[in-house]
Every structure is written in C-alpha cells, then in structure tokens.
Amino acid sequence: MTDPLLRIRDLAVEFSARGVVARAVDGVDLDIGAREIVALVGESGSGKTTLARTLLGLERPTAGGIEFDGSPLPTTVRRLRAYRRRVQLVLQDPTGSLNPRQTVYESVAEGIRIHRMVAKSDGATEIDLVARSLTRSGLRPPENFFLRYPHELSGGQRQRVVIAGAMALEPEVLIADEPVSSLDASIRGEILALLLRLRDEFGLTVLVVTHDLGLAWNIADRIAVMYLGRLVEHGPAERVLSDPQHPYTQALLSVVPEMHHIEPIVLTGETPDPTRIPGGCRFHPRCPALLDGRAEAAGIADVCGTKPMPVLDTARGAAAACWLANPSSS
C-alpha cells in the first residue's frame, strides 16, 4: 500500500494514577489507505478504543506519532477542529450519542453550524445539507425525520442519524467504535451495508473498532488484531480469517457463529491488565498453544514466557507476533 491516509508509527499511550502506569497502547505501527476499511479487533481492555481516541486527538500519545495525509496530527485547538471535520467518530451507542431533547434535524445540523458547512457548500442551504445527509444514510424521505426525537426512532434509525451527522461534514475518514454492537442481528447487516456503500460512493476510509471477528468478516479489507496494547496479527481479511496464525486470533475466530465447524477455544486466565504486562510474549499466560502442548512440541515453550515478541511489522503485509508462527525467530 502506497501513501497511506493515516500512518501510525511506534505509537504509545500511557495513563498514570497513584504511581501505577497503564500502557494502553504500546508500540503500534499501522497504515490505513484511502478508501480502505480496516477492522481493529480485540477483547475489551486490549487498547483498541484508546488507539481510536488517539487517532481523533482525544488522547495524547506518550511516544511515537500519527500522520494524516502526510502531516503530523495537529495539536492546537483550531487545527484539531479542522482535522476532526475530516476524521469523524461514530460511537457504539446511538442513544447515548444523541441529545434526547434535540430533534433529528437539530442533531444533524449541529455539526454543520459548528464547522460552517453552509458557507463552504455549493449554494446549498442548511436544510439542503441536513436532507442530503439523512438521505445518504438511508433515512428517506428526510423530511419525515426532521421533527422526530431519538425516542421515536428504532435503534437502526438512531444509528443512521449518528452516521448522517458525521456525513454532513463530508469527512474523509470514519472511525466507527463498535458501530453495530447495540443493534439487533437483523439491523446489523443493514448498517454494515451502509458503511460499505458510503465507502464506495464517497471514497470514505473506515476504521472499524470491534471485538467481533464476524463483523470484520463482512466488511473489512484488512484486519489488525490487538492484545494488551499491541498488534498481534495483521493482514488481508481473507488471509487472517481463513488461516489465522496467532493463537489469540484463532480463539476469537472460533466463537464466530459462521465458524461452527471449528471447535470453540476458551481462553483461560485473567483478562488483559495494562498495568501488569507479563514478560515474554504478553499473551503466553492465556495461550492455548502452551496449554495443549503445541508450543512444547515445537520447542519454544520456554521462549514464550521469557523472550518478548518484537513490535509487529505491519509493513510485511501479513504477519503474526507469535513464536509459534515464527519459530526461526525464537
């Protein structure tokens, strides 16, 4: 991939409280190309939401950097506001994202007013821009939704309003944090299809943050799997989903309903704690390959618990940060 729209290099984000440091993001490299849909996948606590918030300028990196369209992420209030018009966030809970006292019209128009989109338009009025955004998001005819309140809408309609508010600013990137996790199964496919259509029609780049590899199966061009602050597997969606190399990816994939032919893998041990990162491979305390003897048979069981894995080199296109997948490196 050449000239990525978003370039992340050696990114680290730490939080400190009462002398305890949590490394939420720890040395992440990732490129996201224009018109590409990338799924960032991992359990709760893996660091994926912190990474997304840092891409939006809502968290400051402790180390490393982020570039957008060839320039470093801005830090001043004025430049950040301009940047956030181009990079929009769609949250997982549309009910919490919408002001219950605002009509659909007011919710979509809010961003248009803040960023003075009418002055930047081709002669369109505010009503035109709101109607256009609702139509793009599948709420037709838009006039039927102008005066409705969030409680009068279905979950899928509320999520479409949130997407309409983002699309009203004509962004280049959408960062969608668990965009369908609160929706019924019957509606999930519609929202995913909407994101695909917006990518195809308007050239959007989309980063989907999710715990669900099944969602990634339906929408992503590439998948980056995150565990305890680091990427542990990365590659084209077809390769990662058909032939996962990291035991963590294999475990996540085994519980996807479409993978009913795969025996479910139950991860044991404690869930990730960014204040207590284990030595060696950070996944080794929960790794099924150590429990079922695969690592011992490969002669790397001791290495897994003592030798830290290097930061995953995503420039290789497809890679896994696992001694079992890279025995020659151990």
C-alpha atoms as a PDB file:
ATOM      1  CA  MET A   1       0.000   0.000   0.000  1.00  0.00           C
ATOM      2  CA  THR A   2       1.408   3.410  -1.019  1.00  0.00           C
ATOM      3  CA  ASP A   3       0.782   6.823   0.520  1.00  0.00           C
ATOM      4  CA  PRO A   4      -1.467   5.816   3.435  1.00  0.00           C
ATOM      5  CA  LEU A   5      -4.052   8.355   4.504  1.00  0.00           C
ATOM      6  CA  LEU A   6      -3.371   7.559   8.174  1.00  0.00           C
ATOM      7  CA  ARG A   7       0.096   6.470   9.264  1.00  0.00           C
ATOM      8  CA  ILE A   8       0.734   5.278  12.826  1.00  0.00           C
ATOM      9  CA  ARG A   9       4.339   4.747  13.931  1.00  0.00           C
ATOM     10  CA  ASP A  10       5.570   3.274  17.231  1.00  0.00           C
ATOM     11  CA  LEU A  11       2.556   4.737  18.994  1.00  0.00           C
ATOM     12  CA  ALA A  12       2.378   4.502  22.781  1.00  0.00           C
ATOM     13  CA  VAL A  13      -0.269   5.848  25.154  1.00  0.00           C
ATOM     14  CA  GLU A  14       0.148   5.573  28.916  1.00  0.00           C
ATOM     15  CA  PHE A  15      -2.107   6.542  31.793  1.00  0.00           C
ATOM     16  CA  SER A  16      -0.819   7.115  35.303  1.00  0.00           C
ATOM     17  CA  ALA A  17      -2.705   7.168  38.585  1.00  0.00           C
ATOM     18  CA  ARG A  18      -1.277   6.936  42.103  1.00  0.00           C
ATOM     19  CA  GLY A  19       2.080   5.827  40.770  1.00  0.00           C
ATOM     20  CA  VAL A  20       0.628   2.998  38.685  1.00  0.00           C
ATOM     21  CA  VAL A  21       1.221   3.195  34.943  1.00  0.00           C
ATOM     22  CA  ALA A  22      -1.071   1.520  32.441  1.00  0.00           C
ATOM     23  CA  ARG A  23       0.324   1.059  28.934  1.00  0.00           C
ATOM     24  CA  ALA A  24      -2.922   1.082  26.977  1.00  0.00           C
ATOM     25  CA  VAL A  25      -1.158   1.305  23.609  1.00  0.00           C
ATOM     26  CA  ASP A  26       2.416   0.053  23.401  1.00  0.00           C
ATOM     27  CA  GLY A  27       4.362   0.427  20.175  1.00  0.00           C
ATOM     28  CA  VAL A  28       1.759   0.162  17.409  1.00  0.00           C
ATOM     29  CA  ASP A  29       2.584   0.544  13.713  1.00  0.00           C
ATOM     30  CA  LEU A  30      -0.300   0.647  11.252  1.00  0.00           C
ATOM     31  CA  ASP A  31      -1.073   2.240   7.896  1.00  0.00           C
ATOM     32  CA  ILE A  32      -4.628   2.871   6.682  1.00  0.00           C
ATOM     33  CA  GLY A  33      -5.058   3.623   2.999  1.00  0.00           C
ATOM     34  CA  ALA A  34      -7.614   5.816   1.278  1.00  0.00           C
ATOM     35  CA  ARG A  35     -10.953   4.075   0.528  1.00  0.00           C
ATOM     36  CA  GLU A  36      -9.933   1.157   2.735  1.00  0.00           C
ATOM     37  CA  ILE A  37     -11.921  -0.487   5.517  1.00  0.00           C
ATOM     38  CA  VAL A  38      -9.691  -1.755   8.321  1.00  0.00           C
ATOM     39  CA  ALA A  39     -11.069  -3.688  11.282  1.00  0.00           C
ATOM     40  CA  LEU A  40      -9.230  -3.253  14.592  1.00  0.00           C
ATOM     41  CA  VAL A  41     -10.207  -6.312  16.612  1.00  0.00           C
ATOM     42  CA  GLY A  42      -9.663  -7.299  20.241  1.00  0.00           C
ATOM     43  CA  GLU A  43     -11.254  -8.001  23.601  1.00  0.00           C
ATOM     44  CA  SER A  44     -12.306  -5.267  25.977  1.00  0.00           C
ATOM     45  CA  GLY A  45      -9.126  -3.881  27.527  1.00  0.00           C
ATOM     46  CA  SER A  46      -6.942  -4.620  24.503  1.00  0.00           C
ATOM     47  CA  GLY A  47      -6.303  -0.918  23.838  1.00  0.00           C
ATOM     48  CA  LYS A  48      -8.245  -0.591  20.595  1.00  0.00           C
ATOM     49  CA  THR A  49     -10.592   2.187  21.805  1.00  0.00           C
ATOM     50  CA  THR A  50      -7.662   4.154  23.247  1.00  0.00           C
ATOM     51  CA  LEU A  51      -5.928   3.849  19.883  1.00  0.00           C
ATOM     52  CA  ALA A  52      -9.062   5.139  18.142  1.00  0.00           C
ATOM     53  CA  ARG A  53      -9.382   8.071  20.567  1.00  0.00           C
ATOM     54  CA  THR A  54      -5.728   8.944  19.994  1.00  0.00           C
ATOM     55  CA  LEU A  55      -6.306   8.988  16.230  1.00  0.00           C
ATOM     56  CA  LEU A  56      -9.036  11.570  16.883  1.00  0.00           C
ATOM     57  CA  GLY A  57      -6.760  13.712  19.033  1.00  0.00           C
ATOM     58  CA  LEU A  58      -8.770  12.931  22.173  1.00  0.00           C
ATOM     59  CA  GLU A  59      -5.753  11.302  23.854  1.00  0.00           C
ATOM     60  CA  ARG A  60      -2.154  12.481  23.622  1.00  0.00           C
ATOM     61  CA  PRO A  61       0.499   9.954  22.602  1.00  0.00           C
ATOM     62  CA  THR A  62       3.202   9.216  25.145  1.00  0.00           C
ATOM     63  CA  ALA A  63       5.560   8.286  22.325  1.00  0.00           C
ATOM     64  CA  GLY A  64       5.507   7.756  18.593  1.00  0.00           C
ATOM     65  CA  GLY A  65       3.381   9.660  16.151  1.00  0.00           C
ATOM     66  CA  ILE A  66       0.404   9.831  13.826  1.00  0.00           C
ATOM     67  CA  GLU A  67       0.283  11.376  10.374  1.00  0.00           C
ATOM     68  CA  PHE A  68      -2.837  12.263   8.426  1.00  0.00           C
ATOM     69  CA  ASP A  69      -2.488  12.863   4.702  1.00  0.00           C
ATOM     70  CA  GLY A  70       1.270  13.284   5.118  1.00  0.00           C
ATOM     71  CA  SER A  71       1.162  15.753   8.022  1.00  0.00           C
ATOM     72  CA  PRO A  72       1.554  15.183  11.777  1.00  0.00           C
ATOM     73  CA  LEU A  73      -1.625  15.097  13.831  1.00  0.00           C
ATOM     74  CA  PRO A  74      -2.361  18.709  14.870  1.00  0.00           C
ATOM     75  CA  THR A  75      -2.279  19.758  18.495  1.00  0.00           C
ATOM     76  CA  THR A  76      -3.749  23.269  18.532  1.00  0.00           C
ATOM     77  CA  VAL A  77      -7.470  23.736  19.146  1.00  0.00           C
ATOM     78  CA  ARG A  78      -8.101  25.421  15.797  1.00  0.00           C
ATOM     79  CA  ARG A  79      -6.257  22.832  13.729  1.00  0.00           C
ATOM     80  CA  LEU A  80      -7.741  19.949  15.691  1.00  0.00           C
ATOM     81  CA  ARG A  81     -11.233  21.226  14.942  1.00  0.00           C
ATOM     82  CA  ALA A  82     -10.432  21.318  11.222  1.00  0.00           C
ATOM     83  CA  TYR A  83      -8.916  17.846  11.454  1.00  0.00           C
ATOM     84  CA  ARG A  84     -11.954  16.415  13.240  1.00  0.00           C
ATOM     85  CA  ARG A  85     -14.191  17.604  10.439  1.00  0.00           C
ATOM     86  CA  ARG A  86     -12.173  15.370   8.106  1.00  0.00           C
ATOM     87  CA  VAL A  87     -11.975  12.470  10.582  1.00  0.00           C
ATOM     88  CA  GLN A  88     -15.322  11.732  12.200  1.00  0.00           C
ATOM     89  CA  LEU A  89     -16.274   9.370  15.046  1.00  0.00           C
ATOM     90  CA  VAL A  90     -19.318   7.092  15.110  1.00  0.00           C
ATOM     91  CA  LEU A  91     -19.958   5.657  18.586  1.00  0.00           C
ATOM     92  CA  GLN A  92     -21.430   2.286  19.500  1.00  0.00           C
ATOM     93  CA  ASP A  93     -24.429   3.585  21.435  1.00  0.00           C
ATOM     94  CA  PRO A  94     -26.602   5.870  19.284  1.00  0.00           C
ATOM     95  CA  THR A  95     -28.935   6.513  22.212  1.00  0.00           C
ATOM     96  CA  GLY A  96     -26.071   7.983  24.220  1.00  0.00           C
ATOM     97  CA  SER A  97     -24.694   9.835  21.197  1.00  0.00           C
ATOM     98  CA  LEU A  98     -27.904  11.783  20.535  1.00  0.00           C
ATOM     99  CA  ASN A  99     -29.309  14.518  22.735  1.00  0.00           C
ATOM    100  CA  PRO A 100     -32.800  13.325  23.709  1.00  0.00           C
ATOM    101  CA  ARG A 101     -34.020  16.943  23.710  1.00  0.00           C
ATOM    102  CA  GLN A 102     -32.900  17.596  20.150  1.00  0.00           C
ATOM    103  CA  THR A 103     -34.837  16.683  17.031  1.00  0.00           C
ATOM    104  CA  VAL A 104     -33.167  14.708  14.273  1.00  0.00           C
ATOM    105  CA  TYR A 105     -32.806  17.951  12.314  1.00  0.00           C
ATOM    106  CA  GLU A 106     -31.031  19.719  15.188  1.00  0.00           C
ATOM    107  CA  SER A 107     -28.744  16.750  15.817  1.00  0.00           C
ATOM    108  CA  VAL A 108     -27.525  16.665  12.209  1.00  0.00           C
ATOM    109  CA  ALA A 109     -27.423  20.450  11.847  1.00  0.00           C
ATOM    110  CA  GLU A 110     -25.245  20.918  14.956  1.00  0.00           C
ATOM    111  CA  GLY A 111     -22.007  19.916  13.235  1.00  0.00           C
ATOM    112  CA  ILE A 112     -22.969  21.821  10.094  1.00  0.00           C
ATOM    113  CA  ARG A 113     -23.225  25.015  12.165  1.00  0.00           C
ATOM    114  CA  ILE A 114     -20.052  24.434  14.181  1.00  0.00           C
ATOM    115  CA  HIS A 115     -17.961  23.873  11.054  1.00  0.00           C
ATOM    116  CA  ARG A 116     -19.817  26.482   8.958  1.00  0.00           C
ATOM    117  CA  MET A 117     -20.558  23.961   6.246  1.00  0.00           C
ATOM    118  CA  VAL A 118     -23.186  26.189   4.580  1.00  0.00           C
ATOM    119  CA  ALA A 119     -20.524  28.780   3.752  1.00  0.00           C
ATOM    120  CA  LYS A 120     -18.357  26.010   2.252  1.00  0.00           C
ATOM    121  CA  SER A 121     -21.165  24.467   0.216  1.00  0.00           C
ATOM    122  CA  ASP A 122     -22.087  24.964  -3.430  1.00  0.00           C
ATOM    123  CA  GLY A 123     -25.011  27.247  -2.590  1.00  0.00           C
ATOM    124  CA  ALA A 124     -26.910  24.649  -0.567  1.00  0.00           C
ATOM    125  CA  THR A 125     -28.875  25.800   2.472  1.00  0.00           C
ATOM    126  CA  GLU A 126     -28.692  24.230   5.909  1.00  0.00           C
ATOM    127  CA  ILE A 127     -31.943  22.379   5.213  1.00  0.00           C
ATOM    128  CA  ASP A 128     -30.438  21.056   1.978  1.00  0.00           C
ATOM    129  CA  LEU A 129     -27.330  19.758   3.787  1.00  0.00           C
ATOM    130  CA  VAL A 130     -29.352  18.067   6.537  1.00  0.00           C
ATOM    131  CA  ALA A 131     -31.687  16.464   4.000  1.00  0.00           C
ATOM    132  CA  ARG A 132     -28.764  15.300   1.874  1.00  0.00           C
ATOM    133  CA  SER A 133     -27.016  13.704   4.864  1.00  0.00           C
ATOM    134  CA  LEU A 134     -30.149  11.890   6.034  1.00  0.00           C
ATOM    135  CA  THR A 135     -30.763  10.614   2.516  1.00  0.00           C
ATOM    136  CA  ARG A 136     -27.183   9.342   2.227  1.00  0.00           C
ATOM    137  CA  SER A 137     -27.691   7.485   5.490  1.00  0.00           C
ATOM    138  CA  GLY A 138     -30.832   5.770   4.261  1.00  0.00           C
ATOM    139  CA  LEU A 139     -33.473   7.876   6.049  1.00  0.00           C
ATOM    140  CA  ARG A 140     -35.913   8.672   3.245  1.00  0.00           C
ATOM    141  CA  PRO A 141     -37.745  10.889   2.713  1.00  0.00           C
ATOM    142  CA  PRO A 142     -35.607  13.018   5.042  1.00  0.00           C
ATOM    143  CA  GLU A 143     -38.398  15.491   5.776  1.00  0.00           C
ATOM    144  CA  ASN A 144     -40.271  12.728   7.607  1.00  0.00           C
ATOM    145  CA  PHE A 145     -37.479  12.606  10.199  1.00  0.00           C
ATOM    146  CA  PHE A 146     -36.726  16.312  10.721  1.00  0.00           C
ATOM    147  CA  LEU A 147     -39.008  16.818  13.739  1.00  0.00           C
ATOM    148  CA  ARG A 148     -38.709  13.395  15.315  1.00  0.00           C
ATOM    149  CA  TYR A 149     -36.865  12.787  18.578  1.00  0.00           C
ATOM    150  CA  PRO A 150     -34.448   9.922  19.322  1.00  0.00           C
ATOM    151  CA  HIS A 151     -37.000   8.034  21.469  1.00  0.00           C
ATOM    152  CA  GLU A 152     -39.337   7.946  18.483  1.00  0.00           C
ATOM    153  CA  LEU A 153     -36.801   6.072  16.346  1.00  0.00           C
ATOM    154  CA  SER A 154     -35.692   2.472  16.192  1.00  0.00           C
ATOM    155  CA  GLY A 155     -32.126   1.548  17.139  1.00  0.00           C
ATOM    156  CA  GLY A 156     -31.131   1.253  13.496  1.00  0.00           C
ATOM    157  CA  GLN A 157     -32.662   4.628  12.658  1.00  0.00           C
ATOM    158  CA  ARG A 158     -30.827   6.270  15.565  1.00  0.00           C
ATOM    159  CA  GLN A 159     -27.528   4.851  14.322  1.00  0.00           C
ATOM    160  CA  ARG A 160     -28.303   6.191  10.835  1.00  0.00           C
ATOM    161  CA  VAL A 161     -28.894   9.655  12.352  1.00  0.00           C
ATOM    162  CA  VAL A 162     -25.474   9.481  14.045  1.00  0.00           C
ATOM    163  CA  ILE A 163     -23.886   8.494  10.719  1.00  0.00           C
ATOM    164  CA  ALA A 164     -25.804  11.294   8.982  1.00  0.00           C
ATOM    165  CA  GLY A 165     -24.370  13.800  11.459  1.00  0.00           C
ATOM    166  CA  ALA A 166     -20.880  12.597  10.599  1.00  0.00           C
ATOM    167  CA  MET A 167     -21.518  12.545   6.839  1.00  0.00           C
ATOM    168  CA  ALA A 168     -22.871  16.111   6.939  1.00  0.00           C
ATOM    169  CA  LEU A 169     -19.285  17.287   7.456  1.00  0.00           C
ATOM    170  CA  GLU A 170     -18.078  15.477   4.307  1.00  0.00           C
ATOM    171  CA  PRO A 171     -15.323  13.586   6.131  1.00  0.00           C
ATOM    172  CA  GLU A 172     -12.564  11.549   4.547  1.00  0.00           C
ATOM    173  CA  VAL A 173     -12.353   9.061   7.437  1.00  0.00           C
ATOM    174  CA  LEU A 174     -14.941   7.454   9.692  1.00  0.00           C
ATOM    175  CA  ILE A 175     -13.776   5.838  12.914  1.00  0.00           C
ATOM    176  CA  ALA A 176     -16.620   3.552  13.939  1.00  0.00           C
ATOM    177  CA  ASP A 177     -16.318   2.241  17.504  1.00  0.00           C
ATOM    178  CA  GLU A 178     -18.454  -0.926  17.803  1.00  0.00           C
ATOM    179  CA  PRO A 179     -20.985   0.577  15.362  1.00  0.00           C
ATOM    180  CA  VAL A 180     -23.486  -2.296  15.486  1.00  0.00           C
ATOM    181  CA  SER A 181     -22.912  -3.926  18.878  1.00  0.00           C
ATOM    182  CA  SER A 182     -26.114  -2.460  20.374  1.00  0.00           C
ATOM    183  CA  LEU A 183     -28.306  -3.400  17.405  1.00  0.00           C
ATOM    184  CA  ASP A 184     -30.433  -6.440  16.670  1.00  0.00           C
ATOM    185  CA  ALA A 185     -28.909  -9.001  14.346  1.00  0.00           C
ATOM    186  CA  SER A 186     -31.425  -8.134  11.630  1.00  0.00           C
ATOM    187  CA  ILE A 187     -30.283  -4.488  11.616  1.00  0.00           C
ATOM    188  CA  ARG A 188     -26.543  -5.095  11.887  1.00  0.00           C
ATOM    189  CA  GLY A 189     -26.250  -6.153   8.265  1.00  0.00           C
ATOM    190  CA  GLU A 190     -28.067  -3.028   7.095  1.00  0.00           C
ATOM    191  CA  ILE A 191     -25.678  -0.703   8.919  1.00  0.00           C
ATOM    192  CA  LEU A 192     -22.631  -2.601   7.669  1.00  0.00           C
ATOM    193  CA  ALA A 193     -24.014  -2.438   4.125  1.00  0.00           C
ATOM    194  CA  LEU A 194     -24.481   1.318   4.609  1.00  0.00           C
ATOM    195  CA  LEU A 195     -20.817   1.748   5.595  1.00  0.00           C
ATOM    196  CA  LEU A 196     -19.747  -0.224   2.521  1.00  0.00           C
ATOM    197  CA  ARG A 197     -21.954   1.900   0.280  1.00  0.00           C
ATOM    198  CA  LEU A 198     -20.621   5.144   1.761  1.00  0.00           C
ATOM    199  CA  ARG A 199     -17.076   3.922   1.146  1.00  0.00           C
ATOM    200  CA  ASP A 200     -17.875   3.064  -2.463  1.00  0.00           C
ATOM    201  CA  GLU A 201     -19.895   6.213  -3.267  1.00  0.00           C
ATOM    202  CA  PHE A 202     -17.895   8.853  -1.398  1.00  0.00           C
ATOM    203  CA  GLY A 203     -14.410   7.349  -1.177  1.00  0.00           C
ATOM    204  CA  LEU A 204     -14.518   7.081   2.612  1.00  0.00           C
ATOM    205  CA  THR A 205     -11.793   5.434   4.615  1.00  0.00           C
ATOM    206  CA  VAL A 206     -13.214   3.489   7.561  1.00  0.00           C
ATOM    207  CA  LEU A 207     -11.578   2.158  10.727  1.00  0.00           C
ATOM    208  CA  VAL A 208     -13.997  -0.205  12.464  1.00  0.00           C
ATOM    209  CA  VAL A 209     -13.175  -0.903  16.114  1.00  0.00           C
ATOM    210  CA  THR A 210     -14.774  -4.148  17.253  1.00  0.00           C
ATOM    211  CA  HIS A 211     -14.456  -7.235  19.421  1.00  0.00           C
ATOM    212  CA  ASP A 212     -16.290  -9.253  16.768  1.00  0.00           C
ATOM    213  CA  LEU A 213     -14.311 -11.006  14.045  1.00  0.00           C
ATOM    214  CA  GLY A 214     -17.639 -11.924  12.466  1.00  0.00           C
ATOM    215  CA  LEU A 215     -18.245  -8.236  11.775  1.00  0.00           C
ATOM    216  CA  ALA A 216     -14.774  -7.958  10.273  1.00  0.00           C
ATOM    217  CA  TRP A 217     -15.596 -10.910   8.034  1.00  0.00           C
ATOM    218  CA  ASN A 218     -18.483  -8.962   6.483  1.00  0.00           C
ATOM    219  CA  ILE A 219     -16.869  -5.576   5.950  1.00  0.00           C
ATOM    220  CA  ALA A 220     -13.082  -5.359   6.249  1.00  0.00           C
ATOM    221  CA  ASP A 221     -10.359  -5.235   3.613  1.00  0.00           C
ATOM    222  CA  ARG A 222      -7.695  -5.724   6.256  1.00  0.00           C
ATOM    223  CA  ILE A 223      -7.723  -6.853   9.865  1.00  0.00           C
ATOM    224  CA  ALA A 224      -5.445  -5.813  12.719  1.00  0.00           C
ATOM    225  CA  VAL A 225      -5.827  -7.895  15.889  1.00  0.00           C
ATOM    226  CA  MET A 226      -4.852  -6.177  19.141  1.00  0.00           C
ATOM    227  CA  TYR A 227      -3.983  -7.683  22.506  1.00  0.00           C
ATOM    228  CA  LEU A 228      -2.770  -5.852  25.616  1.00  0.00           C
ATOM    229  CA  GLY A 229      -1.710  -2.720  23.767  1.00  0.00           C
ATOM    230  CA  ARG A 230      -0.011  -4.337  20.780  1.00  0.00           C
ATOM    231  CA  LEU A 231      -0.975  -5.691  17.392  1.00  0.00           C
ATOM    232  CA  VAL A 232      -0.519  -9.459  17.377  1.00  0.00           C
ATOM    233  CA  GLU A 233      -1.750 -10.235  13.871  1.00  0.00           C
ATOM    234  CA  HIS A 234      -2.283  -8.204  10.745  1.00  0.00           C
ATOM    235  CA  GLY A 235      -3.106  -8.880   7.129  1.00  0.00           C
ATOM    236  CA  PRO A 236      -5.738  -9.043   4.405  1.00  0.00           C
ATOM    237  CA  ALA A 237      -9.115 -10.047   5.835  1.00  0.00           C
ATOM    238  CA  GLU A 238      -9.340 -13.177   3.713  1.00  0.00           C
ATOM    239  CA  ARG A 239      -5.939 -14.421   4.896  1.00  0.00           C
ATOM    240  CA  VAL A 240      -6.445 -13.616   8.581  1.00  0.00           C
ATOM    241  CA  LEU A 241      -9.914 -15.184   8.686  1.00  0.00           C
ATOM    242  CA  SER A 242      -9.147 -18.269   6.613  1.00  0.00           C
ATOM    243  CA  ASP A 243      -5.711 -19.028   8.076  1.00  0.00           C
ATOM    244  CA  PRO A 244      -5.145 -17.218  11.399  1.00  0.00           C
ATOM    245  CA  GLN A 245      -1.606 -17.633  12.667  1.00  0.00           C
ATOM    246  CA  HIS A 246      -1.795 -16.241  16.203  1.00  0.00           C
ATOM    247  CA  PRO A 247      -3.498 -18.390  18.882  1.00  0.00           C
ATOM    248  CA  TYR A 248      -5.370 -15.295  20.083  1.00  0.00           C
ATOM    249  CA  THR A 249      -6.848 -14.707  16.625  1.00  0.00           C
ATOM    250  CA  GLN A 250      -7.729 -18.393  16.412  1.00  0.00           C
ATOM    251  CA  ALA A 251      -9.581 -18.168  19.727  1.00  0.00           C
ATOM    252  CA  LEU A 252     -11.522 -15.058  18.671  1.00  0.00           C
ATOM    253  CA  LEU A 253     -12.442 -16.680  15.362  1.00  0.00           C
ATOM    254  CA  SER A 254     -13.542 -19.946  16.959  1.00  0.00           C
ATOM    255  CA  VAL A 255     -16.569 -18.316  18.617  1.00  0.00           C
ATOM    256  CA  VAL A 256     -17.872 -16.652  15.446  1.00  0.00           C
ATOM    257  CA  PRO A 257     -21.212 -18.328  14.633  1.00  0.00           C
ATOM    258  CA  GLU A 258     -20.233 -18.788  10.976  1.00  0.00           C
ATOM    259  CA  MET A 259     -17.257 -20.852  12.150  1.00  0.00           C
ATOM    260  CA  HIS A 260     -19.446 -23.620  13.588  1.00  0.00           C
ATOM    261  CA  HIS A 261     -17.099 -26.242  12.096  1.00  0.00           C
ATOM    262  CA  ILE A 262     -14.264 -25.016  14.375  1.00  0.00           C
ATOM    263  CA  GLU A 263     -14.087 -26.274  17.943  1.00  0.00           C
ATOM    264  CA  PRO A 264     -14.556 -23.278  20.289  1.00  0.00           C
ATOM    265  CA  ILE A 265     -11.394 -22.224  22.108  1.00  0.00           C
ATOM    266  CA  VAL A 266     -11.998 -20.983  25.643  1.00  0.00           C
ATOM    267  CA  LEU A 267      -9.345 -18.565  26.848  1.00  0.00           C
ATOM    268  CA  THR A 268      -8.392 -19.148  30.468  1.00  0.00           C
ATOM    269  CA  GLY A 269      -6.618 -16.896  32.937  1.00  0.00           C
ATOM    270  CA  GLU A 270      -7.155 -13.240  33.673  1.00  0.00           C
ATOM    271  CA  THR A 271      -8.280 -10.740  31.074  1.00  0.00           C
ATOM    272  CA  PRO A 272      -5.664  -8.186  29.943  1.00  0.00           C
ATOM    273  CA  ASP A 273      -4.383  -5.764  32.568  1.00  0.00           C
ATOM    274  CA  PRO A 274      -2.269  -2.948  31.077  1.00  0.00           C
ATOM    275  CA  THR A 275      -0.718  -2.238  34.488  1.00  0.00           C
ATOM    276  CA  ARG A 276       0.731  -5.762  34.707  1.00  0.00           C
ATOM    277  CA  ILE A 277       2.184  -6.765  31.346  1.00  0.00           C
ATOM    278  CA  PRO A 278       3.784 -10.207  31.629  1.00  0.00           C
ATOM    279  CA  GLY A 279       7.301 -10.981  30.467  1.00  0.00           C
ATOM    280  CA  GLY A 280       7.931 -12.830  27.260  1.00  0.00           C
ATOM    281  CA  CYS A 281       5.049 -12.928  24.837  1.00  0.00           C
ATOM    282  CA  ARG A 282       2.343 -10.940  26.614  1.00  0.00           C
ATOM    283  CA  PHE A 283      -0.305 -13.486  25.593  1.00  0.00           C
ATOM    284  CA  HIS A 284       1.539 -16.506  26.981  1.00  0.00           C
ATOM    285  CA  PRO A 285      -0.346 -16.769  30.343  1.00  0.00           C
ATOM    286  CA  ARG A 286      -3.570 -17.462  28.412  1.00  0.00           C
ATOM    287  CA  CYS A 287      -2.157 -19.077  25.277  1.00  0.00           C
ATOM    288  CA  PRO A 288      -3.928 -22.311  24.175  1.00  0.00           C
ATOM    289  CA  ALA A 289      -0.760 -23.401  22.349  1.00  0.00           C
ATOM    290  CA  LEU A 290       1.040 -23.637  25.698  1.00  0.00           C
ATOM    291  CA  LEU A 291      -1.840 -25.444  27.383  1.00  0.00           C
ATOM    292  CA  ASP A 292      -2.348 -28.046  24.639  1.00  0.00           C
ATOM    293  CA  GLY A 293       1.343 -28.797  24.161  1.00  0.00           C
ATOM    294  CA  ARG A 294       1.871 -27.284  20.701  1.00  0.00           C
ATOM    295  CA  ALA A 295       4.476 -24.827  21.966  1.00  0.00           C
ATOM    296  CA  GLU A 296       6.334 -27.563  23.850  1.00  0.00           C
ATOM    297  CA  ALA A 297       6.292 -29.833  20.816  1.00  0.00           C
ATOM    298  CA  ALA A 298       7.776 -27.002  18.750  1.00  0.00           C
ATOM    299  CA  GLY A 299      10.488 -26.482  21.374  1.00  0.00           C
ATOM    300  CA  ILE A 300       9.517 -22.899  22.156  1.00  0.00           C
ATOM    301  CA  ALA A 301       7.586 -23.212  25.431  1.00  0.00           C
ATOM    302  CA  ASP A 302      10.386 -21.585  27.462  1.00  0.00           C
ATOM    303  CA  VAL A 303      10.856 -18.842  24.875  1.00  0.00           C
ATOM    304  CA  CYS A 304       7.172 -17.891  25.005  1.00  0.00           C
ATOM    305  CA  GLY A 305       7.405 -16.993  28.676  1.00  0.00           C
ATOM    306  CA  THR A 306      10.810 -15.293  28.656  1.00  0.00           C
ATOM    307  CA  LYS A 307      11.573 -13.635  25.316  1.00  0.00           C
ATOM    308  CA  PRO A 308       9.447 -10.582  24.463  1.00  0.00           C
ATOM    309  CA  MET A 309       7.957 -10.510  20.993  1.00  0.00           C
ATOM    310  CA  PRO A 310       9.115  -7.539  18.916  1.00  0.00           C
ATOM    311  CA  VAL A 311       6.545  -4.997  17.754  1.00  0.00           C
ATOM    312  CA  LEU A 312       4.625  -6.436  14.835  1.00  0.00           C
ATOM    313  CA  ASP A 313       5.969  -5.237  11.494  1.00  0.00           C
ATOM    314  CA  THR A 314       2.775  -4.464   9.582  1.00  0.00           C
ATOM    315  CA  ALA A 315       4.802  -3.392   6.550  1.00  0.00           C
ATOM    316  CA  ARG A 316       5.183  -7.102   5.797  1.00  0.00           C
ATOM    317  CA  GLY A 317       1.529  -7.141   4.758  1.00  0.00           C
ATOM    318  CA  ALA A 318       0.622 -10.296   6.667  1.00  0.00           C
ATOM    319  CA  ALA A 319       2.287 -11.142   9.963  1.00  0.00           C
ATOM    320  CA  ALA A 320       1.701 -12.574  13.419  1.00  0.00           C
ATOM    321  CA  ALA A 321       3.567 -11.716  16.620  1.00  0.00           C
ATOM    322  CA  CYS A 322       3.892 -15.294  17.822  1.00  0.00           C
ATOM    323  CA  TRP A 323       6.927 -17.505  18.343  1.00  0.00           C
ATOM    324  CA  LEU A 324       4.888 -20.492  17.156  1.00  0.00           C
ATOM    325  CA  ALA A 325       4.129 -18.711  13.876  1.00  0.00           C
ATOM    326  CA  ASN A 326       7.745 -17.551  13.551  1.00  0.00           C
ATOM    327  CA  PRO A 327       9.816 -20.395  15.063  1.00  0.00           C
ATOM    328  CA  SER A 328      13.007 -19.379  13.246  1.00  0.00           C
ATOM    329  CA  SER A 329      12.977 -16.019  15.033  1.00  0.00           C
ATOM    330  CA  SER A 330      12.877 -17.556  18.506  1.00  0.00           C
END
